[in-house]
Amino acid sequence: MEQQKNSYQKIYDVVKQIPRGSVATYGQVAALAGNRRWARVVGYALHVNPDPEQIPCHRVVNREGRLSEAFAFGGVNRQKLLLEAEGIPVKDDCVRLEKYQWKRVAP
């Protein structure tokens, strides 16, 4: 349980850094949190996000730029509204990664 807490905290620390108007993929967050294999763990962590005001999980999308159907705080429509409010257009529940993906990569 302690290890899970630590991995979730690393994930939350990365997600907090995603700038307004940008998105990151689950895999990108996983790599930046220290383990490229954690993409699914990122999803689990975001689903139980303890502080959505400070941890902007709506900025995390899949590797194709698709929104999460299981978005924890109101479903895919809520994620879309939050992203569009930040100036990120969403078409067919998808974000153009080539334009809006956060440029930070893991070392």
PDB file of N, CA and C in Angstrom:
ATOM      1  N   MET A   1       0.822  -1.196   0.000  1.00  0.00           N
ATOM      2  CA  MET A   1       0.000   0.000   0.000  1.00  0.00           C
ATOM      3  C   MET A   1       0.868   1.262   0.000  1.00  0.00           C
ATOM      4  N   GLU A   2       1.938   1.251   0.787  1.00  0.00           N
ATOM      5  CA  GLU A   2       2.839   2.406   0.846  1.00  0.00           C
ATOM      6  C   GLU A   2       3.478   2.667  -0.512  1.00  0.00           C
ATOM      7  N   GLN A   3       3.864   1.596  -1.200  1.00  0.00           N
ATOM      8  CA  GLN A   3       4.471   1.743  -2.527  1.00  0.00           C
ATOM      9  C   GLN A   3       3.471   2.357  -3.506  1.00  0.00           C
ATOM     10  N   GLN A   4       2.210   1.921  -3.420  1.00  0.00           N
ATOM     11  CA  GLN A   4       1.176   2.490  -4.278  1.00  0.00           C
ATOM     12  C   GLN A   4       1.021   3.975  -3.992  1.00  0.00           C
ATOM     13  N   LYS A   5       1.043   4.357  -2.718  1.00  0.00           N
ATOM     14  CA  LYS A   5       0.920   5.750  -2.337  1.00  0.00           C
ATOM     15  C   LYS A   5       2.061   6.578  -2.937  1.00  0.00           C
ATOM     16  N   ASN A   6       3.268   6.038  -2.865  1.00  0.00           N
ATOM     17  CA  ASN A   6       4.420   6.745  -3.412  1.00  0.00           C
ATOM     18  C   ASN A   6       4.324   6.881  -4.926  1.00  0.00           C
ATOM     19  N   SER A   7       3.910   5.819  -5.622  1.00  0.00           N
ATOM     20  CA  SER A   7       3.797   5.894  -7.082  1.00  0.00           C
ATOM     21  C   SER A   7       2.688   6.869  -7.467  1.00  0.00           C
ATOM     22  N   TYR A   8       1.579   6.847  -6.760  1.00  0.00           N
ATOM     23  CA  TYR A   8       0.504   7.798  -7.049  1.00  0.00           C
ATOM     24  C   TYR A   8       0.981   9.226  -6.823  1.00  0.00           C
ATOM     25  N   GLN A   9       1.741   9.467  -5.774  1.00  0.00           N
ATOM     26  CA  GLN A   9       2.227  10.817  -5.499  1.00  0.00           C
ATOM     27  C   GLN A   9       3.155  11.293  -6.613  1.00  0.00           C
ATOM     28  N   LYS A  10       4.009  10.405  -7.117  1.00  0.00           N
ATOM     29  CA  LYS A  10       4.882  10.763  -8.239  1.00  0.00           C
ATOM     30  C   LYS A  10       4.045  11.145  -9.457  1.00  0.00           C
ATOM     31  N   ILE A  11       2.993  10.385  -9.700  1.00  0.00           N
ATOM     32  CA  ILE A  11       2.094  10.671 -10.828  1.00  0.00           C
ATOM     33  C   ILE A  11       1.417  12.020 -10.624  1.00  0.00           C
ATOM     34  N   TYR A  12       0.891  12.261  -9.437  1.00  0.00           N
ATOM     35  CA  TYR A  12       0.229  13.543  -9.162  1.00  0.00           C
ATOM     36  C   TYR A  12       1.203  14.716  -9.310  1.00  0.00           C
ATOM     37  N   ASP A  13       2.437  14.528  -8.896  1.00  0.00           N
ATOM     38  CA  ASP A  13       3.447  15.591  -9.028  1.00  0.00           C
ATOM     39  C   ASP A  13       3.675  15.949 -10.493  1.00  0.00           C
ATOM     40  N   VAL A  14       3.673  14.947 -11.361  1.00  0.00           N
ATOM     41  CA  VAL A  14       3.847  15.198 -12.800  1.00  0.00           C
ATOM     42  C   VAL A  14       2.612  15.894 -13.360  1.00  0.00           C
ATOM     43  N   VAL A  15       1.435  15.386 -13.043  1.00  0.00           N
ATOM     44  CA  VAL A  15       0.198  15.955 -13.591  1.00  0.00           C
ATOM     45  C   VAL A  15       0.044  17.415 -13.185  1.00  0.00           C
ATOM     46  N   LYS A  16       0.474  17.773 -11.993  1.00  0.00           N
ATOM     47  CA  LYS A  16       0.409  19.162 -11.538  1.00  0.00           C
ATOM     48  C   LYS A  16       1.239  20.089 -12.424  1.00  0.00           C
ATOM     49  N   GLN A  17       2.227  19.547 -13.116  1.00  0.00           N
ATOM     50  CA  GLN A  17       3.119  20.360 -13.945  1.00  0.00           C
ATOM     51  C   GLN A  17       2.600  20.587 -15.360  1.00  0.00           C
ATOM     52  N   ILE A  18       1.589  19.834 -15.783  1.00  0.00           N
ATOM     53  CA  ILE A  18       1.067  19.996 -17.147  1.00  0.00           C
ATOM     54  C   ILE A  18       0.468  21.394 -17.243  1.00  0.00           C
ATOM     55  N   PRO A  19       0.995  22.205 -18.152  1.00  0.00           N
ATOM     56  CA  PRO A  19       0.517  23.590 -18.218  1.00  0.00           C
ATOM     57  C   PRO A  19      -0.912  23.697 -18.762  1.00  0.00           C
ATOM     58  N   ARG A  20      -1.583  24.719 -18.329  1.00  0.00           N
ATOM     59  CA  ARG A  20      -2.909  25.049 -18.851  1.00  0.00           C
ATOM     60  C   ARG A  20      -2.790  25.183 -20.377  1.00  0.00           C
ATOM     61  N   GLY A  21      -3.741  24.615 -21.103  1.00  0.00           N
ATOM     62  CA  GLY A  21      -3.714  24.687 -22.558  1.00  0.00           C
ATOM     63  C   GLY A  21      -2.901  23.574 -23.209  1.00  0.00           C
ATOM     64  N   SER A  22      -2.448  22.621 -22.407  1.00  0.00           N
ATOM     65  CA  SER A  22      -1.683  21.476 -22.915  1.00  0.00           C
ATOM     66  C   SER A  22      -2.254  20.190 -22.337  1.00  0.00           C
ATOM     67  N   VAL A  23      -1.948  19.086 -23.012  1.00  0.00           N
ATOM     68  CA  VAL A  23      -2.313  17.761 -22.511  1.00  0.00           C
ATOM     69  C   VAL A  23      -1.071  16.884 -22.513  1.00  0.00           C
ATOM     70  N   ALA A  24      -1.147  15.797 -21.755  1.00  0.00           N
ATOM     71  CA  ALA A  24      -0.098  14.779 -21.761  1.00  0.00           C
ATOM     72  C   ALA A  24      -0.793  13.430 -21.894  1.00  0.00           C
ATOM     73  N   THR A  25      -0.068  12.446 -22.371  1.00  0.00           N
ATOM     74  CA  THR A  25      -0.641  11.116 -22.477  1.00  0.00           C
ATOM     75  C   THR A  25      -0.358  10.340 -21.188  1.00  0.00           C
ATOM     76  N   TYR A  26      -1.132   9.275 -20.995  1.00  0.00           N
ATOM     77  CA  TYR A  26      -0.906   8.421 -19.827  1.00  0.00           C
ATOM     78  C   TYR A  26       0.535   7.904 -19.835  1.00  0.00           C
ATOM     79  N   GLY A  27       1.011   7.479 -20.995  1.00  0.00           N
ATOM     80  CA  GLY A  27       2.376   6.965 -21.102  1.00  0.00           C
ATOM     81  C   GLY A  27       3.422   8.022 -20.820  1.00  0.00           C
ATOM     82  N   GLN A  28       3.189   9.226 -21.268  1.00  0.00           N
ATOM     83  CA  GLN A  28       4.112  10.331 -21.018  1.00  0.00           C
ATOM     84  C   GLN A  28       4.184  10.631 -19.523  1.00  0.00           C
ATOM     85  N   VAL A  29       3.034  10.670 -18.862  1.00  0.00           N
ATOM     86  CA  VAL A  29       3.011  10.898 -17.417  1.00  0.00           C
ATOM     87  C   VAL A  29       3.746   9.769 -16.704  1.00  0.00           C
ATOM     88  N   ALA A  30       3.497   8.529 -17.141  1.00  0.00           N
ATOM     89  CA  ALA A  30       4.161   7.369 -16.532  1.00  0.00           C
ATOM     90  C   ALA A  30       5.677   7.504 -16.635  1.00  0.00           C
ATOM     91  N   ALA A  31       6.171   7.834 -17.824  1.00  0.00           N
ATOM     92  CA  ALA A  31       7.618   7.965 -18.036  1.00  0.00           C
ATOM     93  C   ALA A  31       8.192   9.081 -17.160  1.00  0.00           C
ATOM     94  N   LEU A  32       7.500  10.204 -17.109  1.00  0.00           N
ATOM     95  CA  LEU A  32       7.979  11.328 -16.301  1.00  0.00           C
ATOM     96  C   LEU A  32       7.921  11.023 -14.804  1.00  0.00           C
ATOM     97  N   ALA A  33       7.021  10.121 -14.416  1.00  0.00           N
ATOM     98  CA  ALA A  33       6.912   9.718 -13.011  1.00  0.00           C
ATOM     99  C   ALA A  33       7.942   8.648 -12.651  1.00  0.00           C
ATOM    100  N   GLY A  34       8.659   8.147 -13.652  1.00  0.00           N
ATOM    101  CA  GLY A  34       9.754   7.233 -13.354  1.00  0.00           C
ATOM    102  C   GLY A  34       9.623   5.812 -13.845  1.00  0.00           C
ATOM    103  N   ASN A  35       8.479   5.464 -14.470  1.00  0.00           N
ATOM    104  CA  ASN A  35       8.329   4.095 -14.959  1.00  0.00           C
ATOM    105  C   ASN A  35       7.441   4.090 -16.201  1.00  0.00           C
ATOM    106  N   ARG A  36       8.056   3.846 -17.336  1.00  0.00           N
ATOM    107  CA  ARG A  36       7.326   3.856 -18.608  1.00  0.00           C
ATOM    108  C   ARG A  36       6.183   2.845 -18.663  1.00  0.00           C
ATOM    109  N   ARG A  37       6.217   1.850 -17.795  1.00  0.00           N
ATOM    110  CA  ARG A  37       5.179   0.807 -17.788  1.00  0.00           C
ATOM    111  C   ARG A  37       3.953   1.187 -16.950  1.00  0.00           C
ATOM    112  N   TRP A  38       3.939   2.342 -16.364  1.00  0.00           N
ATOM    113  CA  TRP A  38       2.874   2.739 -15.452  1.00  0.00           C
ATOM    114  C   TRP A  38       1.665   3.386 -16.124  1.00  0.00           C
ATOM    115  N   ALA A  39       1.521   3.327 -17.428  1.00  0.00           N
ATOM    116  CA  ALA A  39       0.405   4.020 -18.082  1.00  0.00           C
ATOM    117  C   ALA A  39      -0.932   3.639 -17.453  1.00  0.00           C
ATOM    118  N   ARG A  40      -1.130   2.361 -17.195  1.00  0.00           N
ATOM    119  CA  ARG A  40      -2.387   1.920 -16.576  1.00  0.00           C
ATOM    120  C   ARG A  40      -2.470   2.414 -15.126  1.00  0.00           C
ATOM    121  N   VAL A  41      -1.346   2.419 -14.439  1.00  0.00           N
ATOM    122  CA  VAL A  41      -1.313   2.910 -13.057  1.00  0.00           C
ATOM    123  C   VAL A  41      -1.697   4.397 -13.027  1.00  0.00           C
ATOM    124  N   VAL A  42      -1.256   5.141 -14.039  1.00  0.00           N
ATOM    125  CA  VAL A  42      -1.631   6.554 -14.127  1.00  0.00           C
ATOM    126  C   VAL A  42      -3.157   6.664 -14.161  1.00  0.00           C
ATOM    127  N   GLY A  43      -3.793   5.826 -14.961  1.00  0.00           N
ATOM    128  CA  GLY A  43      -5.256   5.833 -15.021  1.00  0.00           C
ATOM    129  C   GLY A  43      -5.895   5.549 -13.676  1.00  0.00           C
ATOM    130  N   TYR A  44      -5.367   4.555 -12.973  1.00  0.00           N
ATOM    131  CA  TYR A  44      -5.898   4.231 -11.643  1.00  0.00           C
ATOM    132  C   TYR A  44      -5.726   5.407 -10.695  1.00  0.00           C
ATOM    133  N   ALA A  45      -4.532   6.005 -10.708  1.00  0.00           N
ATOM    134  CA  ALA A  45      -4.251   7.128  -9.809  1.00  0.00           C
ATOM    135  C   ALA A  45      -5.186   8.302 -10.086  1.00  0.00           C
ATOM    136  N   LEU A  46      -5.389   8.607 -11.355  1.00  0.00           N
ATOM    137  CA  LEU A  46      -6.232   9.748 -11.696  1.00  0.00           C
ATOM    138  C   LEU A  46      -7.692   9.481 -11.365  1.00  0.00           C
ATOM    139  N   HIS A  47      -8.091   8.224 -11.426  1.00  0.00           N
ATOM    140  CA  HIS A  47      -9.475   7.882 -11.099  1.00  0.00           C
ATOM    141  C   HIS A  47      -9.790   8.150  -9.630  1.00  0.00           C
ATOM    142  N   VAL A  48      -8.774   8.104  -8.789  1.00  0.00           N
ATOM    143  CA  VAL A  48      -8.978   8.378  -7.354  1.00  0.00           C
ATOM    144  C   VAL A  48      -8.306   9.694  -6.938  1.00  0.00           C
ATOM    145  N   ASN A  49      -8.149  10.582  -7.883  1.00  0.00           N
ATOM    146  CA  ASN A  49      -7.535  11.891  -7.651  1.00  0.00           C
ATOM    147  C   ASN A  49      -8.133  12.544  -6.390  1.00  0.00           C
ATOM    148  N   PRO A  50      -7.309  12.775  -5.375  1.00  0.00           N
ATOM    149  CA  PRO A  50      -7.827  13.333  -4.128  1.00  0.00           C
ATOM    150  C   PRO A  50      -8.062  14.845  -4.167  1.00  0.00           C
ATOM    151  N   ASP A  51      -7.543  15.529  -5.200  1.00  0.00           N
ATOM    152  CA  ASP A  51      -7.620  16.989  -5.226  1.00  0.00           C
ATOM    153  C   ASP A  51      -7.675  17.505  -6.671  1.00  0.00           C
ATOM    154  N   PRO A  52      -8.830  17.355  -7.335  1.00  0.00           N
ATOM    155  CA  PRO A  52      -8.936  17.761  -8.741  1.00  0.00           C
ATOM    156  C   PRO A  52      -8.648  19.241  -8.994  1.00  0.00           C
ATOM    157  N   GLU A  53      -8.802  20.060  -7.976  1.00  0.00           N
ATOM    158  CA  GLU A  53      -8.502  21.489  -8.141  1.00  0.00           C
ATOM    159  C   GLU A  53      -7.006  21.714  -8.349  1.00  0.00           C
ATOM    160  N   GLN A  54      -6.184  20.916  -7.686  1.00  0.00           N
ATOM    161  CA  GLN A  54      -4.728  21.067  -7.756  1.00  0.00           C
ATOM    162  C   GLN A  54      -4.056  20.058  -8.687  1.00  0.00           C
ATOM    163  N   ILE A  55      -4.739  18.955  -8.977  1.00  0.00           N
ATOM    164  CA  ILE A  55      -4.193  17.902  -9.834  1.00  0.00           C
ATOM    165  C   ILE A  55      -5.093  17.817 -11.065  1.00  0.00           C
ATOM    166  N   PRO A  56      -4.732  18.527 -12.143  1.00  0.00           N
ATOM    167  CA  PRO A  56      -5.622  18.661 -13.299  1.00  0.00           C
ATOM    168  C   PRO A  56      -5.659  17.412 -14.194  1.00  0.00           C
ATOM    169  N   CYS A  57      -6.299  16.371 -13.686  1.00  0.00           N
ATOM    170  CA  CYS A  57      -6.310  15.102 -14.415  1.00  0.00           C
ATOM    171  C   CYS A  57      -7.051  15.195 -15.747  1.00  0.00           C
ATOM    172  N   HIS A  58      -7.848  16.225 -15.949  1.00  0.00           N
ATOM    173  CA  HIS A  58      -8.536  16.383 -17.237  1.00  0.00           C
ATOM    174  C   HIS A  58      -7.544  16.636 -18.377  1.00  0.00           C
ATOM    175  N   ARG A  59      -6.307  16.975 -18.044  1.00  0.00           N
ATOM    176  CA  ARG A  59      -5.287  17.239 -19.066  1.00  0.00           C
ATOM    177  C   ARG A  59      -4.560  15.975 -19.516  1.00  0.00           C
ATOM    178  N   VAL A  60      -4.996  14.817 -19.069  1.00  0.00           N
ATOM    179  CA  VAL A  60      -4.359  13.558 -19.448  1.00  0.00           C
ATOM    180  C   VAL A  60      -5.285  12.803 -20.393  1.00  0.00           C
ATOM    181  N   VAL A  61      -4.731  12.424 -21.551  1.00  0.00           N
ATOM    182  CA  VAL A  61      -5.486  11.727 -22.595  1.00  0.00           C
ATOM    183  C   VAL A  61      -4.725  10.472 -23.011  1.00  0.00           C
ATOM    184  N   ASN A  62      -5.344   9.640 -23.824  1.00  0.00           N
ATOM    185  CA  ASN A  62      -4.633   8.429 -24.236  1.00  0.00           C
ATOM    186  C   ASN A  62      -3.634   8.735 -25.351  1.00  0.00           C
ATOM    187  N   ARG A  63      -2.913   7.722 -25.782  1.00  0.00           N
ATOM    188  CA  ARG A  63      -1.814   7.922 -26.751  1.00  0.00           C
ATOM    189  C   ARG A  63      -2.291   8.423 -28.108  1.00  0.00           C
ATOM    190  N   GLU A  64      -3.590   8.341 -28.356  1.00  0.00           N
ATOM    191  CA  GLU A  64      -4.158   8.849 -29.604  1.00  0.00           C
ATOM    192  C   GLU A  64      -4.800  10.229 -29.421  1.00  0.00           C
ATOM    193  N   GLY A  65      -4.737  10.747 -28.191  1.00  0.00           N
ATOM    194  CA  GLY A  65      -5.359  12.038 -27.904  1.00  0.00           C
ATOM    195  C   GLY A  65      -6.816  11.925 -27.510  1.00  0.00           C
ATOM    196  N   ARG A  66      -7.304  10.704 -27.341  1.00  0.00           N
ATOM    197  CA  ARG A  66      -8.711  10.486 -26.982  1.00  0.00           C
ATOM    198  C   ARG A  66      -8.967  10.787 -25.508  1.00  0.00           C
ATOM    199  N   LEU A  67     -10.151  11.326 -25.263  1.00  0.00           N
ATOM    200  CA  LEU A  67     -10.575  11.601 -23.901  1.00  0.00           C
ATOM    201  C   LEU A  67     -10.971  10.301 -23.217  1.00  0.00           C
ATOM    202  N   SER A  68     -11.014  10.342 -21.904  1.00  0.00           N
ATOM    203  CA  SER A  68     -11.377   9.166 -21.127  1.00  0.00           C
ATOM    204  C   SER A  68     -12.889   9.058 -21.002  1.00  0.00           C
ATOM    205  N   GLU A  69     -13.442   7.925 -21.414  1.00  0.00           N
ATOM    206  CA  GLU A  69     -14.875   7.697 -21.244  1.00  0.00           C
ATOM    207  C   GLU A  69     -15.226   7.565 -19.771  1.00  0.00           C
ATOM    208  N   ALA A  70     -14.249   7.162 -18.973  1.00  0.00           N
ATOM    209  CA  ALA A  70     -14.479   6.953 -17.542  1.00  0.00           C
ATOM    210  C   ALA A  70     -13.933   8.114 -16.732  1.00  0.00           C
ATOM    211  N   PHE A  71     -13.858   9.288 -17.325  1.00  0.00           N
ATOM    212  CA  PHE A  71     -13.307  10.437 -16.610  1.00  0.00           C
ATOM    213  C   PHE A  71     -13.975  10.537 -15.247  1.00  0.00           C
ATOM    214  N   ALA A  72     -13.160  10.554 -14.218  1.00  0.00           N
ATOM    215  CA  ALA A  72     -13.626  10.388 -12.835  1.00  0.00           C
ATOM    216  C   ALA A  72     -14.580  11.481 -12.364  1.00  0.00           C
ATOM    217  N   PHE A  73     -14.487  12.662 -12.913  1.00  0.00           N
ATOM    218  CA  PHE A  73     -15.271  13.768 -12.361  1.00  0.00           C
ATOM    219  C   PHE A  73     -16.308  14.285 -13.347  1.00  0.00           C
ATOM    220  N   GLY A  74     -17.165  13.382 -13.808  1.00  0.00           N
ATOM    221  CA  GLY A  74     -18.283  13.808 -14.640  1.00  0.00           C
ATOM    222  C   GLY A  74     -18.310  13.225 -16.033  1.00  0.00           C
ATOM    223  N   GLY A  75     -17.462  12.285 -16.340  1.00  0.00           N
ATOM    224  CA  GLY A  75     -17.491  11.630 -17.649  1.00  0.00           C
ATOM    225  C   GLY A  75     -16.781  12.408 -18.739  1.00  0.00           C
ATOM    226  N   VAL A  76     -16.819  11.847 -19.938  1.00  0.00           N
ATOM    227  CA  VAL A  76     -16.078  12.400 -21.068  1.00  0.00           C
ATOM    228  C   VAL A  76     -16.524  13.831 -21.385  1.00  0.00           C
ATOM    229  N   ASN A  77     -17.810  14.134 -21.220  1.00  0.00           N
ATOM    230  CA  ASN A  77     -18.275  15.486 -21.522  1.00  0.00           C
ATOM    231  C   ASN A  77     -17.660  16.514 -20.577  1.00  0.00           C
ATOM    232  N   ARG A  78     -17.481  16.145 -19.333  1.00  0.00           N
ATOM    233  CA  ARG A  78     -16.861  17.069 -18.367  1.00  0.00           C
ATOM    234  C   ARG A  78     -15.404  17.326 -18.744  1.00  0.00           C
ATOM    235  N   GLN A  79     -14.685  16.284 -19.123  1.00  0.00           N
ATOM    236  CA  GLN A  79     -13.294  16.449 -19.536  1.00  0.00           C
ATOM    237  C   GLN A  79     -13.231  17.367 -20.759  1.00  0.00           C
ATOM    238  N   LYS A  80     -14.118  17.152 -21.704  1.00  0.00           N
ATOM    239  CA  LYS A  80     -14.155  17.985 -22.912  1.00  0.00           C
ATOM    240  C   LYS A  80     -14.399  19.453 -22.550  1.00  0.00           C
ATOM    241  N   LEU A  81     -15.360  19.700 -21.679  1.00  0.00           N
ATOM    242  CA  LEU A  81     -15.663  21.079 -21.280  1.00  0.00           C
ATOM    243  C   LEU A  81     -14.474  21.743 -20.594  1.00  0.00           C
ATOM    244  N   LEU A  82     -13.800  21.005 -19.723  1.00  0.00           N
ATOM    245  CA  LEU A  82     -12.635  21.565 -19.030  1.00  0.00           C
ATOM    246  C   LEU A  82     -11.506  21.892 -20.011  1.00  0.00           C
ATOM    247  N   LEU A  83     -11.257  21.001 -20.961  1.00  0.00           N
ATOM    248  CA  LEU A  83     -10.198  21.248 -21.951  1.00  0.00           C
ATOM    249  C   LEU A  83     -10.558  22.423 -22.852  1.00  0.00           C
ATOM    250  N   GLU A  84     -11.796  22.459 -23.316  1.00  0.00           N
ATOM    251  CA  GLU A  84     -12.206  23.564 -24.190  1.00  0.00           C
ATOM    252  C   GLU A  84     -12.148  24.899 -23.456  1.00  0.00           C
ATOM    253  N   ALA A  85     -12.417  24.892 -22.157  1.00  0.00           N
ATOM    254  CA  ALA A  85     -12.320  26.120 -21.362  1.00  0.00           C
ATOM    255  C   ALA A  85     -10.881  26.631 -21.291  1.00  0.00           C
ATOM    256  N   GLU A  86      -9.924  25.732 -21.532  1.00  0.00           N
ATOM    257  CA  GLU A  86      -8.508  26.110 -21.536  1.00  0.00           C
ATOM    258  C   GLU A  86      -8.014  26.410 -22.954  1.00  0.00           C
ATOM    259  N   GLY A  87      -8.922  26.414 -23.916  1.00  0.00           N
ATOM    260  CA  GLY A  87      -8.549  26.734 -25.288  1.00  0.00           C
ATOM    261  C   GLY A  87      -8.098  25.549 -26.120  1.00  0.00           C
ATOM    262  N   ILE A  88      -8.361  24.334 -25.654  1.00  0.00           N
ATOM    263  CA  ILE A  88      -7.978  23.135 -26.399  1.00  0.00           C
ATOM    264  C   ILE A  88      -9.216  22.600 -27.115  1.00  0.00           C
ATOM    265  N   PRO A  89      -9.261  22.711 -28.435  1.00  0.00           N
ATOM    266  CA  PRO A  89     -10.428  22.190 -29.147  1.00  0.00           C
ATOM    267  C   PRO A  89     -10.478  20.663 -29.084  1.00  0.00           C
ATOM    268  N   VAL A  90     -11.678  20.146 -28.944  1.00  0.00           N
ATOM    269  CA  VAL A  90     -11.891  18.700 -28.896  1.00  0.00           C
ATOM    270  C   VAL A  90     -12.859  18.354 -30.017  1.00  0.00           C
ATOM    271  N   LYS A  91     -12.412  17.476 -30.910  1.00  0.00           N
ATOM    272  CA  LYS A  91     -13.264  17.047 -32.018  1.00  0.00           C
ATOM    273  C   LYS A  91     -13.404  15.533 -31.951  1.00  0.00           C
ATOM    274  N   ASP A  92     -14.637  15.059 -31.956  1.00  0.00           N
ATOM    275  CA  ASP A  92     -14.911  13.621 -31.866  1.00  0.00           C
ATOM    276  C   ASP A  92     -14.211  13.003 -30.655  1.00  0.00           C
ATOM    277  N   ASP A  93     -14.279  13.701 -29.517  1.00  0.00           N
ATOM    278  CA  ASP A  93     -13.674  13.259 -28.251  1.00  0.00           C
ATOM    279  C   ASP A  93     -12.172  13.025 -28.372  1.00  0.00           C
ATOM    280  N   CYS A  94     -11.522  13.835 -29.186  1.00  0.00           N
ATOM    281  CA  CYS A  94     -10.091  13.675 -29.426  1.00  0.00           C
ATOM    282  C   CYS A  94      -9.410  15.049 -29.500  1.00  0.00           C
ATOM    283  N   VAL A  95      -8.186  15.114 -28.981  1.00  0.00           N
ATOM    284  CA  VAL A  95      -7.358  16.322 -29.001  1.00  0.00           C
ATOM    285  C   VAL A  95      -6.219  16.096 -29.991  1.00  0.00           C
ATOM    286  N   ARG A  96      -5.847  17.109 -30.731  1.00  0.00           N
ATOM    287  CA  ARG A  96      -4.715  16.998 -31.667  1.00  0.00           C
ATOM    288  C   ARG A  96      -3.409  17.064 -30.874  1.00  0.00           C
ATOM    289  N   LEU A  97      -2.806  15.908 -30.685  1.00  0.00           N
ATOM    290  CA  LEU A  97      -1.574  15.841 -29.895  1.00  0.00           C
ATOM    291  C   LEU A  97      -0.435  16.629 -30.529  1.00  0.00           C
ATOM    292  N   GLU A  98      -0.352  16.611 -31.842  1.00  0.00           N
ATOM    293  CA  GLU A  98       0.762  17.313 -32.493  1.00  0.00           C
ATOM    294  C   GLU A  98       0.760  18.803 -32.171  1.00  0.00           C
ATOM    295  N   LYS A  99      -0.392  19.329 -31.804  1.00  0.00           N
ATOM    296  CA  LYS A  99      -0.482  20.750 -31.477  1.00  0.00           C
ATOM    297  C   LYS A  99      -0.543  21.030 -29.970  1.00  0.00           C
ATOM    298  N   TYR A 100      -1.209  20.152 -29.206  1.00  0.00           N
ATOM    299  CA  TYR A 100      -1.489  20.470 -27.811  1.00  0.00           C
ATOM    300  C   TYR A 100      -0.739  19.610 -26.788  1.00  0.00           C
ATOM    301  N   GLN A 101       0.037  18.638 -27.255  1.00  0.00           N
ATOM    302  CA  GLN A 101       0.747  17.800 -26.285  1.00  0.00           C
ATOM    303  C   GLN A 101       1.882  18.577 -25.636  1.00  0.00           C
ATOM    304  N   TRP A 102       1.972  18.439 -24.328  1.00  0.00           N
ATOM    305  CA  TRP A 102       3.034  19.030 -23.534  1.00  0.00           C
ATOM    306  C   TRP A 102       4.369  18.537 -24.079  1.00  0.00           C
ATOM    307  N   LYS A 103       5.310  19.419 -24.241  1.00  0.00           N
ATOM    308  CA  LYS A 103       6.584  19.081 -24.880  1.00  0.00           C
ATOM    309  C   LYS A 103       7.593  18.427 -23.939  1.00  0.00           C
ATOM    310  N   ARG A 104       7.303  18.374 -22.663  1.00  0.00           N
ATOM    311  CA  ARG A 104       8.249  17.786 -21.726  1.00  0.00           C
ATOM    312  C   ARG A 104       8.340  16.271 -21.927  1.00  0.00           C
ATOM    313  N   VAL A 105       9.543  15.769 -21.960  1.00  0.00           N
ATOM    314  CA  VAL A 105       9.767  14.327 -22.097  1.00  0.00           C
ATOM    315  C   VAL A 105      10.667  13.843 -20.960  1.00  0.00           C
ATOM    316  N   ALA A 106      10.586  12.567 -20.709  1.00  0.00           N
ATOM    317  CA  ALA A 106      11.404  11.979 -19.637  1.00  0.00           C
ATOM    318  C   ALA A 106      12.876  12.012 -20.021  1.00  0.00           C
ATOM    319  N   PRO A 107      13.750  12.206 -19.033  1.00  0.00           N
ATOM    320  CA  PRO A 107      15.195  12.241 -19.302  1.00  0.00           C
ATOM    321  C   PRO A 107      15.714  10.874 -19.727  1.00  0.00           C
TER     322      PRO A 107
END
